[in-house]
């Protein structure tokens, strides 16, 4: 299942912004992609997307869980803590902020 950008969806959305340098951007994308192979099978996982800025200075990870509790259970895992440490070493700054979808529009 893919992340649902839907104001009516009952999901917990976390958007992580990783500030980095162009020489480390691909490593952050790779780490997020690799960890998703594990996270996608955990209870409550809905979906994720990873976005890399064209200038190489940011990576945005949009991830949804059924509830905040599901996210917290994943974050308590040893492999998750190791992953967070890994991307933390690659990023100059990380901004993990929870959001709710307030509005969505499409063409037409």
C-alpha atoms as a PDB file:
ATOM      1  CA  UNK A   1       0.000   0.000   0.000  1.00  0.00           C
ATOM      2  CA  UNK A   2       1.234   3.499  -0.776  1.00  0.00           C
ATOM      3  CA  UNK A   3       1.101   6.517   1.496  1.00  0.00           C
ATOM      4  CA  UNK A   4      -2.344   8.075   1.316  1.00  0.00           C
ATOM      5  CA  UNK A   5      -2.416  11.832   1.047  1.00  0.00           C
ATOM      6  CA  UNK A   6      -6.056  12.166   2.022  1.00  0.00           C
ATOM      7  CA  UNK A   7      -7.479  14.530   4.655  1.00  0.00           C
ATOM      8  CA  UNK A   8     -10.111  11.898   5.537  1.00  0.00           C
ATOM      9  CA  UNK A   9      -7.577   9.089   6.103  1.00  0.00           C
ATOM     10  CA  UNK A  10      -7.077   8.175   9.745  1.00  0.00           C
ATOM     11  CA  UNK A  11      -3.294   7.880   9.657  1.00  0.00           C
ATOM     12  CA  UNK A  12      -0.314   9.356  11.489  1.00  0.00           C
ATOM     13  CA  UNK A  13       1.984  11.215   9.103  1.00  0.00           C
ATOM     14  CA  UNK A  14       5.608  12.015   9.882  1.00  0.00           C
ATOM     15  CA  UNK A  15       7.653  14.140   7.523  1.00  0.00           C
ATOM     16  CA  UNK A  16      11.401  13.968   8.100  1.00  0.00           C
ATOM     17  CA  UNK A  17      13.621  16.575   6.460  1.00  0.00           C
ATOM     18  CA  UNK A  18      17.301  15.668   6.325  1.00  0.00           C
ATOM     19  CA  UNK A  19      19.659  18.573   5.628  1.00  0.00           C
ATOM     20  CA  UNK A  20      22.878  17.269   4.117  1.00  0.00           C
ATOM     21  CA  UNK A  21      25.556  17.852   1.520  1.00  0.00           C
ATOM     22  CA  UNK A  22      25.367  16.697  -2.103  1.00  0.00           C
ATOM     23  CA  UNK A  23      28.037  14.036  -1.520  1.00  0.00           C
ATOM     24  CA  UNK A  24      25.920  12.377   1.235  1.00  0.00           C
ATOM     25  CA  UNK A  25      22.426  12.738  -0.221  1.00  0.00           C
ATOM     26  CA  UNK A  26      22.456   9.409  -2.090  1.00  0.00           C
ATOM     27  CA  UNK A  27      23.605   7.581   1.059  1.00  0.00           C
ATOM     28  CA  UNK A  28      20.630   8.951   3.011  1.00  0.00           C
ATOM     29  CA  UNK A  29      18.243   7.880   0.241  1.00  0.00           C
ATOM     30  CA  UNK A  30      19.842   4.424   0.202  1.00  0.00           C
ATOM     31  CA  UNK A  31      19.613   4.067   3.992  1.00  0.00           C
ATOM     32  CA  UNK A  32      15.936   5.089   4.039  1.00  0.00           C
ATOM     33  CA  UNK A  33      15.176   2.732   1.159  1.00  0.00           C
ATOM     34  CA  UNK A  34      16.996  -0.167   2.826  1.00  0.00           C
ATOM     35  CA  UNK A  35      15.274   0.350   6.184  1.00  0.00           C
ATOM     36  CA  UNK A  36      11.864   0.532   4.495  1.00  0.00           C
ATOM     37  CA  UNK A  37      12.341  -3.095   3.391  1.00  0.00           C
ATOM     38  CA  UNK A  38      12.104  -3.983   7.102  1.00  0.00           C
ATOM     39  CA  UNK A  39       9.591  -1.344   8.221  1.00  0.00           C
ATOM     40  CA  UNK A  40       7.037  -2.150   5.538  1.00  0.00           C
ATOM     41  CA  UNK A  41       6.303  -5.504   7.197  1.00  0.00           C
ATOM     42  CA  UNK A  42       5.776  -4.054  10.675  1.00  0.00           C
ATOM     43  CA  UNK A  43       2.298  -3.688  12.178  1.00  0.00           C
ATOM     44  CA  UNK A  44       0.719  -0.343  11.371  1.00  0.00           C
ATOM     45  CA  UNK A  45       2.980   0.647   8.469  1.00  0.00           C
ATOM     46  CA  UNK A  46       0.975   2.366   5.716  1.00  0.00           C
ATOM     47  CA  UNK A  47       3.542   3.680   3.245  1.00  0.00           C
ATOM     48  CA  UNK A  48       6.435   6.000   2.574  1.00  0.00           C
ATOM     49  CA  UNK A  49       8.048   8.102  -0.100  1.00  0.00           C
ATOM     50  CA  UNK A  50      11.547   9.551  -0.265  1.00  0.00           C
ATOM     51  CA  UNK A  51      12.257  12.788  -2.100  1.00  0.00           C
ATOM     52  CA  UNK A  52      15.755  14.054  -2.989  1.00  0.00           C
ATOM     53  CA  UNK A  53      16.240  17.752  -3.755  1.00  0.00           C
ATOM     54  CA  UNK A  54      17.808  18.599  -7.086  1.00  0.00           C
ATOM     55  CA  UNK A  55      20.527  20.657  -5.398  1.00  0.00           C
ATOM     56  CA  UNK A  56      21.574  17.674  -3.249  1.00  0.00           C
ATOM     57  CA  UNK A  57      21.136  19.445   0.092  1.00  0.00           C
ATOM     58  CA  UNK A  58      17.937  17.824   1.363  1.00  0.00           C
ATOM     59  CA  UNK A  59      16.087  14.537   1.557  1.00  0.00           C
ATOM     60  CA  UNK A  60      12.447  14.451   2.609  1.00  0.00           C
ATOM     61  CA  UNK A  61      10.910  11.235   3.897  1.00  0.00           C
ATOM     62  CA  UNK A  62       7.097  11.187   4.009  1.00  0.00           C
ATOM     63  CA  UNK A  63       5.994   8.204   6.076  1.00  0.00           C
ATOM     64  CA  UNK A  64       2.601   7.135   7.369  1.00  0.00           C
ATOM     65  CA  UNK A  65       1.624   4.761  10.156  1.00  0.00           C
ATOM     66  CA  UNK A  66      -1.870   3.753  11.199  1.00  0.00           C
ATOM     67  CA  UNK A  67      -1.281   5.380  14.603  1.00  0.00           C
ATOM     68  CA  UNK A  68       1.399   7.260  16.486  1.00  0.00           C
ATOM     69  CA  UNK A  69       1.684   4.204  18.753  1.00  0.00           C
ATOM     70  CA  UNK A  70       2.700   2.057  15.753  1.00  0.00           C
ATOM     71  CA  UNK A  71       5.450   4.556  14.932  1.00  0.00           C
ATOM     72  CA  UNK A  72       6.656   4.591  18.534  1.00  0.00           C
ATOM     73  CA  UNK A  73       6.786   0.776  18.616  1.00  0.00           C
ATOM     74  CA  UNK A  74       8.924   0.786  15.476  1.00  0.00           C
ATOM     75  CA  UNK A  75      11.222   3.461  16.932  1.00  0.00           C
ATOM     76  CA  UNK A  76      11.780   1.318  20.038  1.00  0.00           C
ATOM     77  CA  UNK A  77      13.314  -1.478  17.956  1.00  0.00           C
ATOM     78  CA  UNK A  78      17.086  -1.912  18.009  1.00  0.00           C
ATOM     79  CA  UNK A  79      17.322  -1.971  14.194  1.00  0.00           C
ATOM     80  CA  UNK A  80      15.363   1.296  14.013  1.00  0.00           C
ATOM     81  CA  UNK A  81      17.667   2.958  16.522  1.00  0.00           C
ATOM     82  CA  UNK A  82      20.686   1.812  14.476  1.00  0.00           C
ATOM     83  CA  UNK A  83      19.083   3.184  11.303  1.00  0.00           C
ATOM     84  CA  UNK A  84      18.358   6.535  12.970  1.00  0.00           C
ATOM     85  CA  UNK A  85      21.963   6.743  14.135  1.00  0.00           C
ATOM     86  CA  UNK A  86      23.179   5.953  10.612  1.00  0.00           C
ATOM     87  CA  UNK A  87      21.135   8.663   8.897  1.00  0.00           C
ATOM     88  CA  UNK A  88      21.918  11.030  11.754  1.00  0.00           C
ATOM     89  CA  UNK A  89      25.608  10.672  10.924  1.00  0.00           C
ATOM     90  CA  UNK A  90      24.921  11.422   7.256  1.00  0.00           C
ATOM     91  CA  UNK A  91      22.749  14.474   7.859  1.00  0.00           C
ATOM     92  CA  UNK A  92      23.813  17.860   9.182  1.00  0.00           C
ATOM     93  CA  UNK A  93      20.368  18.328  10.707  1.00  0.00           C
ATOM     94  CA  UNK A  94      17.181  16.237  10.880  1.00  0.00           C
ATOM     95  CA  UNK A  95      13.704  17.696  11.345  1.00  0.00           C
ATOM     96  CA  UNK A  96      11.095  15.005  12.153  1.00  0.00           C
ATOM     97  CA  UNK A  97       7.705  16.715  12.390  1.00  0.00           C
ATOM     98  CA  UNK A  98       4.275  15.049  12.665  1.00  0.00           C
ATOM     99  CA  UNK A  99       1.573  16.444  10.398  1.00  0.00           C
ATOM    100  CA  UNK A 100      -2.072  15.988   9.560  1.00  0.00           C
ATOM    101  CA  UNK A 101      -3.239  16.247   5.971  1.00  0.00           C
ATOM    102  CA  UNK A 102      -5.288  19.446   5.809  1.00  0.00           C
ATOM    103  CA  UNK A 103      -5.985  19.750   2.069  1.00  0.00           C
ATOM    104  CA  UNK A 104      -5.328  17.900  -1.185  1.00  0.00           C
ATOM    105  CA  UNK A 105      -6.058  18.967  -4.771  1.00  0.00           C
ATOM    106  CA  UNK A 106      -5.532  17.307  -8.134  1.00  0.00           C
ATOM    107  CA  UNK A 107      -5.641  18.508 -11.729  1.00  0.00           C
ATOM    108  CA  UNK A 108      -9.005  18.836 -13.400  1.00  0.00           C
END
